[in-house]
Every structure is written in C-alpha cells, then in structure tokens.
PDB file of N, CA and C in Angstrom:
ATOM      1  N   MET A   1     -27.729 -55.804 -26.177  1.00  0.00           N
ATOM      2  CA  MET A   1     -29.028 -55.673 -26.794  1.00  0.00           C
ATOM      3  C   MET A   1     -29.647 -54.350 -26.359  1.00  0.00           C
ATOM      4  N   ASN A   2     -30.101 -53.553 -27.297  1.00  0.00           N
ATOM      5  CA  ASN A   2     -30.685 -52.261 -27.018  1.00  0.00           C
ATOM      6  C   ASN A   2     -32.184 -52.421 -26.790  1.00  0.00           C
ATOM      7  N   GLN A   3     -32.635 -52.004 -25.624  1.00  0.00           N
ATOM      8  CA  GLN A   3     -34.058 -52.106 -25.317  1.00  0.00           C
ATOM      9  C   GLN A   3     -34.653 -50.712 -25.278  1.00  0.00           C
ATOM     10  N   ASP A   4     -35.732 -50.504 -26.020  1.00  0.00           N
ATOM     11  CA  ASP A   4     -36.428 -49.232 -25.978  1.00  0.00           C
ATOM     12  C   ASP A   4     -37.318 -49.209 -24.754  1.00  0.00           C
ATOM     13  N   LYS A   5     -37.387 -48.053 -24.110  1.00  0.00           N
ATOM     14  CA  LYS A   5     -38.255 -47.909 -22.946  1.00  0.00           C
ATOM     15  C   LYS A   5     -39.444 -47.053 -23.336  1.00  0.00           C
ATOM     16  N   THR A   6     -40.606 -47.481 -22.977  1.00  0.00           N
ATOM     17  CA  THR A   6     -41.802 -46.710 -23.211  1.00  0.00           C
ATOM     18  C   THR A   6     -42.094 -45.922 -21.953  1.00  0.00           C
ATOM     19  N   LEU A   7     -42.185 -44.607 -22.089  1.00  0.00           N
ATOM     20  CA  LEU A   7     -42.457 -43.756 -20.944  1.00  0.00           C
ATOM     21  C   LEU A   7     -43.951 -43.550 -20.798  1.00  0.00           C
ATOM     22  N   ASN A   8     -44.389 -43.559 -19.581  1.00  0.00           N
ATOM     23  CA  ASN A   8     -45.752 -43.172 -19.279  1.00  0.00           C
ATOM     24  C   ASN A   8     -45.712 -42.366 -17.996  1.00  0.00           C
ATOM     25  N   ASN A   9     -46.845 -41.927 -17.512  1.00  0.00           N
ATOM     26  CA  ASN A   9     -46.865 -41.090 -16.314  1.00  0.00           C
ATOM     27  C   ASN A   9     -46.372 -41.815 -15.077  1.00  0.00           C
ATOM     28  N   ASP A  10     -46.249 -43.140 -15.124  1.00  0.00           N
ATOM     29  CA  ASP A  10     -45.800 -43.905 -13.968  1.00  0.00           C
ATOM     30  C   ASP A  10     -44.319 -44.256 -14.029  1.00  0.00           C
ATOM     31  N   THR A  11     -43.626 -43.902 -15.106  1.00  0.00           N
ATOM     32  CA  THR A  11     -42.222 -44.265 -15.263  1.00  0.00           C
ATOM     33  C   THR A  11     -41.343 -43.266 -14.528  1.00  0.00           C
ATOM     34  N   PRO A  12     -40.580 -43.708 -13.512  1.00  0.00           N
ATOM     35  CA  PRO A  12     -39.684 -42.790 -12.815  1.00  0.00           C
ATOM     36  C   PRO A  12     -38.614 -42.248 -13.755  1.00  0.00           C
ATOM     37  N   VAL A  13     -38.281 -40.972 -13.589  1.00  0.00           N
ATOM     38  CA  VAL A  13     -37.259 -40.340 -14.419  1.00  0.00           C
ATOM     39  C   VAL A  13     -35.938 -41.069 -14.272  1.00  0.00           C
ATOM     40  N   SER A  14     -35.602 -41.463 -13.049  1.00  0.00           N
ATOM     41  CA  SER A  14     -34.326 -42.128 -12.813  1.00  0.00           C
ATOM     42  C   SER A  14     -34.233 -43.436 -13.584  1.00  0.00           C
ATOM     43  N   GLU A  15     -35.350 -44.102 -13.803  1.00  0.00           N
ATOM     44  CA  GLU A  15     -35.373 -45.348 -14.570  1.00  0.00           C
ATOM     45  C   GLU A  15     -35.363 -45.062 -16.067  1.00  0.00           C
ATOM     46  N   ALA A  16     -36.092 -44.036 -16.472  1.00  0.00           N
ATOM     47  CA  ALA A  16     -36.214 -43.726 -17.892  1.00  0.00           C
ATOM     48  C   ALA A  16     -34.921 -43.176 -18.472  1.00  0.00           C
ATOM     49  N   ALA A  17     -34.167 -42.467 -17.680  1.00  0.00           N
ATOM     50  CA  ALA A  17     -32.919 -41.863 -18.168  1.00  0.00           C
ATOM     51  C   ALA A  17     -31.790 -42.860 -18.035  1.00  0.00           C
ATOM     52  N   GLY A  18     -31.865 -43.927 -18.778  1.00  0.00           N
ATOM     53  CA  GLY A  18     -30.896 -45.013 -18.672  1.00  0.00           C
ATOM     54  C   GLY A  18     -29.592 -44.741 -19.390  1.00  0.00           C
ATOM     55  N   VAL A  19     -29.193 -43.491 -19.454  1.00  0.00           N
ATOM     56  CA  VAL A  19     -27.932 -43.143 -20.092  1.00  0.00           C
ATOM     57  C   VAL A  19     -26.824 -43.296 -19.061  1.00  0.00           C
ATOM     58  N   PRO A  20     -25.843 -44.147 -19.312  1.00  0.00           N
ATOM     59  CA  PRO A  20     -24.779 -44.312 -18.332  1.00  0.00           C
ATOM     60  C   PRO A  20     -23.924 -43.057 -18.246  1.00  0.00           C
ATOM     61  N   ALA A  21     -23.564 -42.683 -17.032  1.00  0.00           N
ATOM     62  CA  ALA A  21     -22.695 -41.526 -16.853  1.00  0.00           C
ATOM     63  C   ALA A  21     -21.275 -41.905 -17.228  1.00  0.00           C
ATOM     64  N   THR A  22     -20.637 -41.045 -17.984  1.00  0.00           N
ATOM     65  CA  THR A  22     -19.243 -41.259 -18.348  1.00  0.00           C
ATOM     66  C   THR A  22     -18.390 -40.530 -17.328  1.00  0.00           C
ATOM     67  N   PRO A  23     -17.516 -41.235 -16.616  1.00  0.00           N
ATOM     68  CA  PRO A  23     -16.694 -40.556 -15.623  1.00  0.00           C
ATOM     69  C   PRO A  23     -15.880 -39.444 -16.271  1.00  0.00           C
ATOM     70  N   SER A  24     -15.805 -38.335 -15.584  1.00  0.00           N
ATOM     71  CA  SER A  24     -15.076 -37.194 -16.099  1.00  0.00           C
ATOM     72  C   SER A  24     -13.821 -36.974 -15.278  1.00  0.00           C
ATOM     73  N   THR A  25     -12.753 -36.590 -15.935  1.00  0.00           N
ATOM     74  CA  THR A  25     -11.517 -36.309 -15.219  1.00  0.00           C
ATOM     75  C   THR A  25     -11.417 -34.828 -14.880  1.00  0.00           C
ATOM     76  N   GLU A  26     -12.260 -33.999 -15.478  1.00  0.00           N
ATOM     77  CA  GLU A  26     -12.235 -32.572 -15.212  1.00  0.00           C
ATOM     78  C   GLU A  26     -13.470 -32.179 -14.418  1.00  0.00           C
ATOM     79  N   PRO A  27     -13.286 -31.323 -13.398  1.00  0.00           N
ATOM     80  CA  PRO A  27     -14.453 -30.861 -12.652  1.00  0.00           C
ATOM     81  C   PRO A  27     -15.289 -29.916 -13.520  1.00  0.00           C
ATOM     82  N   HIS A  28     -16.576 -29.933 -13.312  1.00  0.00           N
ATOM     83  CA  HIS A  28     -17.473 -29.059 -14.057  1.00  0.00           C
ATOM     84  C   HIS A  28     -17.901 -27.921 -13.144  1.00  0.00           C
ATOM     85  N   SER A  29     -17.942 -26.726 -13.674  1.00  0.00           N
ATOM     86  CA  SER A  29     -18.384 -25.589 -12.873  1.00  0.00           C
ATOM     87  C   SER A  29     -19.898 -25.635 -12.719  1.00  0.00           C
ATOM     88  N   ALA A  30     -20.372 -25.039 -11.639  1.00  0.00           N
ATOM     89  CA  ALA A  30     -21.813 -24.962 -11.416  1.00  0.00           C
ATOM     90  C   ALA A  30     -22.476 -24.192 -12.558  1.00  0.00           C
ATOM     91  N   GLU A  31     -21.782 -23.186 -13.077  1.00  0.00           N
ATOM     92  CA  GLU A  31     -22.324 -22.403 -14.184  1.00  0.00           C
ATOM     93  C   GLU A  31     -22.523 -23.268 -15.429  1.00  0.00           C
ATOM     94  N   SER A  32     -21.591 -24.185 -15.687  1.00  0.00           N
ATOM     95  CA  SER A  32     -21.734 -25.093 -16.832  1.00  0.00           C
ATOM     96  C   SER A  32     -22.942 -26.001 -16.648  1.00  0.00           C
ATOM     97  N   ILE A  33     -23.102 -26.518 -15.441  1.00  0.00           N
ATOM     98  CA  ILE A  33     -24.232 -27.408 -15.147  1.00  0.00           C
ATOM     99  C   ILE A  33     -25.546 -26.659 -15.330  1.00  0.00           C
ATOM    100  N   VAL A  34     -25.603 -25.411 -14.860  1.00  0.00           N
ATOM    101  CA  VAL A  34     -26.803 -24.590 -15.053  1.00  0.00           C
ATOM    102  C   VAL A  34     -27.092 -24.442 -16.545  1.00  0.00           C
ATOM    103  N   GLY A  35     -26.066 -24.168 -17.326  1.00  0.00           N
ATOM    104  CA  GLY A  35     -26.249 -24.005 -18.773  1.00  0.00           C
ATOM    105  C   GLY A  35     -26.810 -25.250 -19.426  1.00  0.00           C
ATOM    106  N   TRP A  36     -26.287 -26.417 -19.037  1.00  0.00           N
ATOM    107  CA  TRP A  36     -26.782 -27.672 -19.614  1.00  0.00           C
ATOM    108  C   TRP A  36     -28.218 -27.935 -19.186  1.00  0.00           C
ATOM    109  N   ALA A  37     -28.535 -27.649 -17.920  1.00  0.00           N
ATOM    110  CA  ALA A  37     -29.900 -27.865 -17.429  1.00  0.00           C
ATOM    111  C   ALA A  37     -30.879 -26.947 -18.149  1.00  0.00           C
ATOM    112  N   VAL A  38     -30.523 -25.676 -18.273  1.00  0.00           N
ATOM    113  CA  VAL A  38     -31.404 -24.721 -18.950  1.00  0.00           C
ATOM    114  C   VAL A  38     -31.587 -25.109 -20.418  1.00  0.00           C
ATOM    115  N   ALA A  39     -30.525 -25.531 -21.075  1.00  0.00           N
ATOM    116  CA  ALA A  39     -30.634 -25.963 -22.477  1.00  0.00           C
ATOM    117  C   ALA A  39     -31.598 -27.138 -22.611  1.00  0.00           C
ATOM    118  N   ALA A  40     -31.510 -28.089 -21.679  1.00  0.00           N
ATOM    119  CA  ALA A  40     -32.409 -29.249 -21.709  1.00  0.00           C
ATOM    120  C   ALA A  40     -33.858 -28.811 -21.505  1.00  0.00           C
ATOM    121  N   LEU A  41     -34.076 -27.871 -20.595  1.00  0.00           N
ATOM    122  CA  LEU A  41     -35.430 -27.383 -20.331  1.00  0.00           C
ATOM    123  C   LEU A  41     -35.977 -26.599 -21.528  1.00  0.00           C
ATOM    124  N   GLU A  42     -35.141 -25.759 -22.112  1.00  0.00           N
ATOM    125  CA  GLU A  42     -35.579 -24.981 -23.281  1.00  0.00           C
ATOM    126  C   GLU A  42     -35.936 -25.886 -24.453  1.00  0.00           C
ATOM    127  N   GLU A  43     -35.163 -26.948 -24.617  1.00  0.00           N
ATOM    128  CA  GLU A  43     -35.416 -27.884 -25.714  1.00  0.00           C
ATOM    129  C   GLU A  43     -36.811 -28.495 -25.614  1.00  0.00           C
ATOM    130  N   LEU A  44     -37.283 -28.689 -24.391  1.00  0.00           N
ATOM    131  CA  LEU A  44     -38.619 -29.272 -24.188  1.00  0.00           C
ATOM    132  C   LEU A  44     -39.682 -28.209 -23.926  1.00  0.00           C
ATOM    133  N   LYS A  45     -39.341 -26.963 -24.222  1.00  0.00           N
ATOM    134  CA  LYS A  45     -40.291 -25.858 -24.095  1.00  0.00           C
ATOM    135  C   LYS A  45     -40.859 -25.722 -22.683  1.00  0.00           C
ATOM    136  N   ALA A  46     -39.966 -25.812 -21.696  1.00  0.00           N
ATOM    137  CA  ALA A  46     -40.371 -25.567 -20.312  1.00  0.00           C
ATOM    138  C   ALA A  46     -40.855 -24.119 -20.205  1.00  0.00           C
ATOM    139  N   ILE A  47     -41.765 -23.893 -19.290  1.00  0.00           N
ATOM    140  CA  ILE A  47     -42.381 -22.584 -19.125  1.00  0.00           C
ATOM    141  C   ILE A  47     -41.707 -21.838 -17.977  1.00  0.00           C
ATOM    142  N   ASP A  48     -41.458 -20.546 -18.179  1.00  0.00           N
ATOM    143  CA  ASP A  48     -41.001 -19.644 -17.119  1.00  0.00           C
ATOM    144  C   ASP A  48     -39.732 -20.145 -16.414  1.00  0.00           C
ATOM    145  N   ILE A  49     -38.683 -20.406 -17.167  1.00  0.00           N
ATOM    146  CA  ILE A  49     -37.419 -20.886 -16.593  1.00  0.00           C
ATOM    147  C   ILE A  49     -36.758 -19.737 -15.835  1.00  0.00           C
ATOM    148  N   ARG A  50     -36.380 -20.004 -14.599  1.00  0.00           N
ATOM    149  CA  ARG A  50     -35.711 -19.020 -13.746  1.00  0.00           C
ATOM    150  C   ARG A  50     -34.491 -19.662 -13.109  1.00  0.00           C
ATOM    151  N   VAL A  51     -33.403 -18.895 -13.014  1.00  0.00           N
ATOM    152  CA  VAL A  51     -32.186 -19.359 -12.353  1.00  0.00           C
ATOM    153  C   VAL A  51     -31.894 -18.408 -11.202  1.00  0.00           C
ATOM    154  N   LEU A  52     -31.732 -18.970 -10.010  1.00  0.00           N
ATOM    155  CA  LEU A  52     -31.368 -18.182  -8.839  1.00  0.00           C
ATOM    156  C   LEU A  52     -29.950 -18.529  -8.420  1.00  0.00           C
ATOM    157  N   ASP A  53     -29.118 -17.514  -8.270  1.00  0.00           N
ATOM    158  CA  ASP A  53     -27.765 -17.685  -7.761  1.00  0.00           C
ATOM    159  C   ASP A  53     -27.856 -17.531  -6.248  1.00  0.00           C
ATOM    160  N   VAL A  54     -27.708 -18.632  -5.530  1.00  0.00           N
ATOM    161  CA  VAL A  54     -27.853 -18.608  -4.072  1.00  0.00           C
ATOM    162  C   VAL A  54     -26.513 -18.784  -3.356  1.00  0.00           C
ATOM    163  N   ARG A  55     -25.416 -18.604  -4.101  1.00  0.00           N
ATOM    164  CA  ARG A  55     -24.096 -18.685  -3.471  1.00  0.00           C
ATOM    165  C   ARG A  55     -24.004 -17.613  -2.391  1.00  0.00           C
ATOM    166  N   GLY A  56     -23.520 -17.998  -1.235  1.00  0.00           N
ATOM    167  CA  GLY A  56     -23.408 -17.065  -0.127  1.00  0.00           C
ATOM    168  C   GLY A  56     -24.687 -16.921   0.680  1.00  0.00           C
ATOM    169  N   HIS A  57     -25.786 -17.474   0.188  1.00  0.00           N
ATOM    170  CA  HIS A  57     -27.065 -17.397   0.890  1.00  0.00           C
ATOM    171  C   HIS A  57     -27.575 -18.767   1.308  1.00  0.00           C
ATOM    172  N   CYS A  58     -27.005 -19.789   0.750  1.00  0.00           N
ATOM    173  CA  CYS A  58     -27.493 -21.154   0.953  1.00  0.00           C
ATOM    174  C   CYS A  58     -26.286 -22.071   1.137  1.00  0.00           C
ATOM    175  N   ASN A  59     -26.359 -22.969   2.104  1.00  0.00           N
ATOM    176  CA  ASN A  59     -25.195 -23.825   2.373  1.00  0.00           C
ATOM    177  C   ASN A  59     -25.269 -25.199   1.711  1.00  0.00           C
ATOM    178  N   PHE A  60     -26.302 -25.484   0.922  1.00  0.00           N
ATOM    179  CA  PHE A  60     -26.398 -26.818   0.323  1.00  0.00           C
ATOM    180  C   PHE A  60     -26.353 -26.821  -1.203  1.00  0.00           C
ATOM    181  N   THR A  61     -26.380 -25.660  -1.834  1.00  0.00           N
ATOM    182  CA  THR A  61     -26.285 -25.593  -3.297  1.00  0.00           C
ATOM    183  C   THR A  61     -25.845 -24.202  -3.714  1.00  0.00           C
ATOM    184  N   ASP A  62     -25.430 -24.062  -4.957  1.00  0.00           N
ATOM    185  CA  ASP A  62     -25.010 -22.759  -5.483  1.00  0.00           C
ATOM    186  C   ASP A  62     -26.077 -22.106  -6.356  1.00  0.00           C
ATOM    187  N   PHE A  63     -26.815 -22.934  -7.102  1.00  0.00           N
ATOM    188  CA  PHE A  63     -27.847 -22.414  -8.000  1.00  0.00           C
ATOM    189  C   PHE A  63     -29.113 -23.247  -7.879  1.00  0.00           C
ATOM    190  N   MET A  64     -30.250 -22.575  -8.062  1.00  0.00           N
ATOM    191  CA  MET A  64     -31.537 -23.257  -8.145  1.00  0.00           C
ATOM    192  C   MET A  64     -32.170 -22.859  -9.476  1.00  0.00           C
ATOM    193  N   VAL A  65     -32.615 -23.866 -10.217  1.00  0.00           N
ATOM    194  CA  VAL A  65     -33.258 -23.638 -11.510  1.00  0.00           C
ATOM    195  C   VAL A  65     -34.712 -24.073 -11.366  1.00  0.00           C
ATOM    196  N   PHE A  66     -35.623 -23.190 -11.723  1.00  0.00           N
ATOM    197  CA  PHE A  66     -37.054 -23.480 -11.628  1.00  0.00           C
ATOM    198  C   PHE A  66     -37.679 -23.406 -13.016  1.00  0.00           C
ATOM    199  N   SER A  67     -38.659 -24.250 -13.244  1.00  0.00           N
ATOM    200  CA  SER A  67     -39.443 -24.165 -14.478  1.00  0.00           C
ATOM    201  C   SER A  67     -40.813 -24.771 -14.216  1.00  0.00           C
ATOM    202  N   SER A  68     -41.725 -24.491 -15.114  1.00  0.00           N
ATOM    203  CA  SER A  68     -43.075 -25.055 -15.038  1.00  0.00           C
ATOM    204  C   SER A  68     -43.335 -25.861 -16.298  1.00  0.00           C
ATOM    205  N   GLY A  69     -44.385 -26.666 -16.229  1.00  0.00           N
ATOM    206  CA  GLY A  69     -44.776 -27.470 -17.377  1.00  0.00           C
ATOM    207  C   GLY A  69     -46.275 -27.446 -17.556  1.00  0.00           C
ATOM    208  N   THR A  70     -46.721 -28.055 -18.632  1.00  0.00           N
ATOM    209  CA  THR A  70     -48.143 -28.040 -18.964  1.00  0.00           C
ATOM    210  C   THR A  70     -48.901 -29.250 -18.422  1.00  0.00           C
ATOM    211  N   SER A  71     -48.171 -30.267 -17.962  1.00  0.00           N
ATOM    212  CA  SER A  71     -48.811 -31.487 -17.465  1.00  0.00           C
ATOM    213  C   SER A  71     -47.802 -32.287 -16.645  1.00  0.00           C
ATOM    214  N   ASP A  72     -48.280 -33.328 -15.980  1.00  0.00           N
ATOM    215  CA  ASP A  72     -47.390 -34.226 -15.236  1.00  0.00           C
ATOM    216  C   ASP A  72     -46.341 -34.820 -16.166  1.00  0.00           C
ATOM    217  N   ARG A  73     -46.783 -35.248 -17.318  1.00  0.00           N
ATOM    218  CA  ARG A  73     -45.871 -35.862 -18.296  1.00  0.00           C
ATOM    219  C   ARG A  73     -44.812 -34.862 -18.765  1.00  0.00           C
ATOM    220  N   HIS A  74     -45.214 -33.616 -18.975  1.00  0.00           N
ATOM    221  CA  HIS A  74     -44.275 -32.579 -19.395  1.00  0.00           C
ATOM    222  C   HIS A  74     -43.219 -32.353 -18.314  1.00  0.00           C
ATOM    223  N   LEU A  75     -43.627 -32.324 -17.048  1.00  0.00           N
ATOM    224  CA  LEU A  75     -42.674 -32.145 -15.944  1.00  0.00           C
ATOM    225  C   LEU A  75     -41.679 -33.298 -15.883  1.00  0.00           C
ATOM    226  N   LYS A  76     -42.184 -34.521 -16.003  1.00  0.00           N
ATOM    227  CA  LYS A  76     -41.296 -35.689 -15.961  1.00  0.00           C
ATOM    228  C   LYS A  76     -40.349 -35.700 -17.157  1.00  0.00           C
ATOM    229  N   SER A  77     -40.837 -35.282 -18.306  1.00  0.00           N
ATOM    230  CA  SER A  77     -39.983 -35.219 -19.496  1.00  0.00           C
ATOM    231  C   SER A  77     -38.876 -34.191 -19.315  1.00  0.00           C
ATOM    232  N   GLN A  78     -39.199 -33.068 -18.688  1.00  0.00           N
ATOM    233  CA  GLN A  78     -38.187 -32.049 -18.421  1.00  0.00           C
ATOM    234  C   GLN A  78     -37.090 -32.609 -17.514  1.00  0.00           C
ATOM    235  N   ALA A  79     -37.502 -33.263 -16.430  1.00  0.00           N
ATOM    236  CA  ALA A  79     -36.525 -33.837 -15.499  1.00  0.00           C
ATOM    237  C   ALA A  79     -35.674 -34.889 -16.198  1.00  0.00           C
ATOM    238  N   ASN A  80     -36.308 -35.724 -16.996  1.00  0.00           N
ATOM    239  CA  ASN A  80     -35.583 -36.758 -17.737  1.00  0.00           C
ATOM    240  C   ASN A  80     -34.553 -36.126 -18.672  1.00  0.00           C
ATOM    241  N   SER A  81     -34.936 -35.066 -19.352  1.00  0.00           N
ATOM    242  CA  SER A  81     -34.033 -34.393 -20.277  1.00  0.00           C
ATOM    243  C   SER A  81     -32.827 -33.805 -19.546  1.00  0.00           C
ATOM    244  N   VAL A  82     -33.049 -33.221 -18.376  1.00  0.00           N
ATOM    245  CA  VAL A  82     -31.946 -32.677 -17.573  1.00  0.00           C
ATOM    246  C   VAL A  82     -31.009 -33.802 -17.153  1.00  0.00           C
ATOM    247  N   VAL A  83     -31.564 -34.919 -16.682  1.00  0.00           N
ATOM    248  CA  VAL A  83     -30.744 -36.058 -16.246  1.00  0.00           C
ATOM    249  C   VAL A  83     -29.897 -36.581 -17.408  1.00  0.00           C
ATOM    250  N   VAL A  84     -30.502 -36.759 -18.561  1.00  0.00           N
ATOM    251  CA  VAL A  84     -29.766 -37.256 -19.729  1.00  0.00           C
ATOM    252  C   VAL A  84     -28.664 -36.269 -20.118  1.00  0.00           C
ATOM    253  N   GLN A  85     -28.993 -34.986 -20.139  1.00  0.00           N
ATOM    254  CA  GLN A  85     -28.021 -33.959 -20.536  1.00  0.00           C
ATOM    255  C   GLN A  85     -26.792 -33.951 -19.623  1.00  0.00           C
ATOM    256  N   VAL A  86     -27.004 -33.979 -18.309  1.00  0.00           N
ATOM    257  CA  VAL A  86     -25.843 -33.927 -17.407  1.00  0.00           C
ATOM    258  C   VAL A  86     -25.073 -35.240 -17.419  1.00  0.00           C
ATOM    259  N   LYS A  87     -25.768 -36.364 -17.587  1.00  0.00           N
ATOM    260  CA  LYS A  87     -25.057 -37.646 -17.685  1.00  0.00           C
ATOM    261  C   LYS A  87     -24.174 -37.679 -18.929  1.00  0.00           C
ATOM    262  N   ASN A  88     -24.610 -37.031 -19.991  1.00  0.00           N
ATOM    263  CA  ASN A  88     -23.789 -36.943 -21.201  1.00  0.00           C
ATOM    264  C   ASN A  88     -22.501 -36.166 -20.963  1.00  0.00           C
ATOM    265  N   HIS A  89     -22.475 -35.368 -19.903  1.00  0.00           N
ATOM    266  CA  HIS A  89     -21.280 -34.610 -19.533  1.00  0.00           C
ATOM    267  C   HIS A  89     -20.550 -35.253 -18.352  1.00  0.00           C
ATOM    268  N   GLY A  90     -20.924 -36.476 -18.004  1.00  0.00           N
ATOM    269  CA  GLY A  90     -20.221 -37.212 -16.962  1.00  0.00           C
ATOM    270  C   GLY A  90     -20.662 -36.909 -15.550  1.00  0.00           C
ATOM    271  N   ILE A  91     -21.828 -36.313 -15.393  1.00  0.00           N
ATOM    272  CA  ILE A  91     -22.321 -35.967 -14.060  1.00  0.00           C
ATOM    273  C   ILE A  91     -23.467 -36.893 -13.694  1.00  0.00           C
ATOM    274  N   ARG A  92     -23.347 -37.515 -12.556  1.00  0.00           N
ATOM    275  CA  ARG A  92     -24.400 -38.399 -12.066  1.00  0.00           C
ATOM    276  C   ARG A  92     -25.223 -37.629 -11.026  1.00  0.00           C
ATOM    277  N   PRO A  93     -26.527 -37.451 -11.270  1.00  0.00           N
ATOM    278  CA  PRO A  93     -27.358 -36.746 -10.294  1.00  0.00           C
ATOM    279  C   PRO A  93     -27.324 -37.433  -8.930  1.00  0.00           C
ATOM    280  N   MET A  94     -27.346 -36.627  -7.876  1.00  0.00           N
ATOM    281  CA  MET A  94     -27.384 -37.152  -6.516  1.00  0.00           C
ATOM    282  C   MET A  94     -28.722 -37.853  -6.273  1.00  0.00           C
ATOM    283  N   GLY A  95     -29.777 -37.318  -6.884  1.00  0.00           N
ATOM    284  CA  GLY A  95     -31.089 -37.931  -6.729  1.00  0.00           C
ATOM    285  C   GLY A  95     -32.146 -37.210  -7.547  1.00  0.00           C
ATOM    286  N   VAL A  96     -33.256 -37.903  -7.730  1.00  0.00           N
ATOM    287  CA  VAL A  96     -34.419 -37.343  -8.411  1.00  0.00           C
ATOM    288  C   VAL A  96     -35.615 -37.641  -7.519  1.00  0.00           C
ATOM    289  N   GLU A  97     -36.358 -36.615  -7.169  1.00  0.00           N
ATOM    290  CA  GLU A  97     -37.516 -36.771  -6.284  1.00  0.00           C
ATOM    291  C   GLU A  97     -38.795 -36.391  -7.014  1.00  0.00           C
ATOM    292  N   GLY A  98     -39.879 -37.087  -6.691  1.00  0.00           N
ATOM    293  CA  GLY A  98     -41.178 -36.765  -7.249  1.00  0.00           C
ATOM    294  C   GLY A  98     -41.476 -37.423  -8.576  1.00  0.00           C
ATOM    295  N   ASP A  99     -40.505 -38.136  -9.131  1.00  0.00           N
ATOM    296  CA  ASP A  99     -40.698 -38.751 -10.447  1.00  0.00           C
ATOM    297  C   ASP A  99     -41.412 -40.085 -10.375  1.00  0.00           C
ATOM    298  N   ASP A 100     -41.505 -40.645  -9.181  1.00  0.00           N
ATOM    299  CA  ASP A 100     -42.108 -41.970  -9.036  1.00  0.00           C
ATOM    300  C   ASP A 100     -43.571 -41.908  -8.604  1.00  0.00           C
ATOM    301  N   VAL A 101     -44.129 -40.710  -8.562  1.00  0.00           N
ATOM    302  CA  VAL A 101     -45.528 -40.525  -8.193  1.00  0.00           C
ATOM    303  C   VAL A 101     -46.339 -40.441  -9.484  1.00  0.00           C
ATOM    304  N   PRO A 102     -47.375 -41.286  -9.629  1.00  0.00           N
ATOM    305  CA  PRO A 102     -48.133 -41.305 -10.885  1.00  0.00           C
ATOM    306  C   PRO A 102     -48.662 -39.933 -11.312  1.00  0.00           C
ATOM    307  N   SER A 103     -49.210 -39.181 -10.385  1.00  0.00           N
ATOM    308  CA  SER A 103     -49.724 -37.856 -10.706  1.00  0.00           C
ATOM    309  C   SER A 103     -48.974 -36.857  -9.836  1.00  0.00           C
ATOM    310  N   THR A 104     -47.992 -36.208 -10.417  1.00  0.00           N
ATOM    311  CA  THR A 104     -47.144 -35.315  -9.641  1.00  0.00           C
ATOM    312  C   THR A 104     -47.240 -33.892 -10.164  1.00  0.00           C
ATOM    313  N   GLU A 105     -47.055 -32.938  -9.277  1.00  0.00           N
ATOM    314  CA  GLU A 105     -47.052 -31.540  -9.677  1.00  0.00           C
ATOM    315  C   GLU A 105     -45.656 -30.947  -9.590  1.00  0.00           C
ATOM    316  N   TRP A 106     -44.679 -31.758  -9.190  1.00  0.00           N
ATOM    317  CA  TRP A 106     -43.304 -31.271  -9.118  1.00  0.00           C
ATOM    318  C   TRP A 106     -42.334 -32.434  -9.241  1.00  0.00           C
ATOM    319  N   VAL A 107     -41.160 -32.121  -9.739  1.00  0.00           N
ATOM    320  CA  VAL A 107     -40.053 -33.074  -9.795  1.00  0.00           C
ATOM    321  C   VAL A 107     -38.796 -32.275  -9.480  1.00  0.00           C
ATOM    322  N   LEU A 108     -37.905 -32.850  -8.686  1.00  0.00           N
ATOM    323  CA  LEU A 108     -36.669 -32.185  -8.313  1.00  0.00           C
ATOM    324  C   LEU A 108     -35.491 -33.050  -8.732  1.00  0.00           C
ATOM    325  N   VAL A 109     -34.499 -32.439  -9.387  1.00  0.00           N
ATOM    326  CA  VAL A 109     -33.268 -33.131  -9.764  1.00  0.00           C
ATOM    327  C   VAL A 109     -32.140 -32.484  -8.968  1.00  0.00           C
ATOM    328  N   ASP A 110     -31.495 -33.269  -8.096  1.00  0.00           N
ATOM    329  CA  ASP A 110     -30.412 -32.779  -7.246  1.00  0.00           C
ATOM    330  C   ASP A 110     -29.081 -33.057  -7.923  1.00  0.00           C
ATOM    331  N   LEU A 111     -28.436 -32.000  -8.376  1.00  0.00           N
ATOM    332  CA  LEU A 111     -27.127 -32.107  -9.023  1.00  0.00           C
ATOM    333  C   LEU A 111     -26.032 -31.554  -8.104  1.00  0.00           C
ATOM    334  N   VAL A 112     -26.285 -31.526  -6.817  1.00  0.00           N
ATOM    335  CA  VAL A 112     -25.429 -31.038  -5.740  1.00  0.00           C
ATOM    336  C   VAL A 112     -25.244 -29.520  -5.836  1.00  0.00           C
ATOM    337  N   ASP A 113     -24.411 -29.025  -6.739  1.00  0.00           N
ATOM    338  CA  ASP A 113     -24.184 -27.582  -6.850  1.00  0.00           C
ATOM    339  C   ASP A 113     -25.337 -26.865  -7.538  1.00  0.00           C
ATOM    340  N   VAL A 114     -26.213 -27.637  -8.167  1.00  0.00           N
ATOM    341  CA  VAL A 114     -27.373 -27.089  -8.872  1.00  0.00           C
ATOM    342  C   VAL A 114     -28.576 -27.974  -8.550  1.00  0.00           C
ATOM    343  N   ILE A 115     -29.679 -27.337  -8.184  1.00  0.00           N
ATOM    344  CA  ILE A 115     -30.932 -28.061  -7.963  1.00  0.00           C
ATOM    345  C   ILE A 115     -31.932 -27.580  -9.005  1.00  0.00           C
ATOM    346  N   VAL A 116     -32.536 -28.524  -9.715  1.00  0.00           N
ATOM    347  CA  VAL A 116     -33.526 -28.193 -10.744  1.00  0.00           C
ATOM    348  C   VAL A 116     -34.883 -28.615 -10.215  1.00  0.00           C
ATOM    349  N   HIS A 117     -35.815 -27.680 -10.173  1.00  0.00           N
ATOM    350  CA  HIS A 117     -37.141 -27.946  -9.610  1.00  0.00           C
ATOM    351  C   HIS A 117     -38.194 -27.516 -10.613  1.00  0.00           C
TER     352      HIS A 117
END
C-alpha cells in the first residue's frame, strides 16, 4: 500500500525521504556523488551552491557541498532531495543532522566521501 507523506517544518528529512536504497554492485566515485547532490540542489533552486575539494586537507571526507535556502522548509526540502537522489543511485546516507529541529537554520547530509551542508 502506497502512503503519501505530508511534509511540514517538523518532518525529519530522514523520515520524509522514504525511498529505499537499491544496493549497488559498483562503487560510486565521490565526483559522481557531488554531481548528483548538486543536481538535486539546483533542481530546488538552492542559493549560492559551492563545492570544496578537501582531498588531502581533510581526513573525514573528500568534498563539501554548501548551499543556502530561503526558509527552514526550503533547507529541509534541499536535504530531502539530496537524500532521494543518492538513494536512487544505491547510496545510503550515513546520517542527516538538523532535520528534526522544527525551526532550523542548517541541515547536514553525511554521504561519507561527500558532506552536504
């Protein structure tokens, strides 16, 4: 049975993005993940998207993607879109932070090799 979810400012991104991850037999490059994340952000008209290549400078990730939004809801929608996009490619996010706060000014999606903030 397909259940529609109604999103509001209190709906965590991890709950709203109920797209099951399809296991992948091929590894995905960090560059591919960045491309999918940026595409998801652009689709929702994220503001001031920036990608930092931190390989060799950071020991916990390879890329950091930053963007801004116009409201709490816009930020949560951006994070949700990134989660759905990568799950469609068989990648399960390590975690999503800040999505469970009713009024938030930031959300972080940890994709291990790529962090979207």
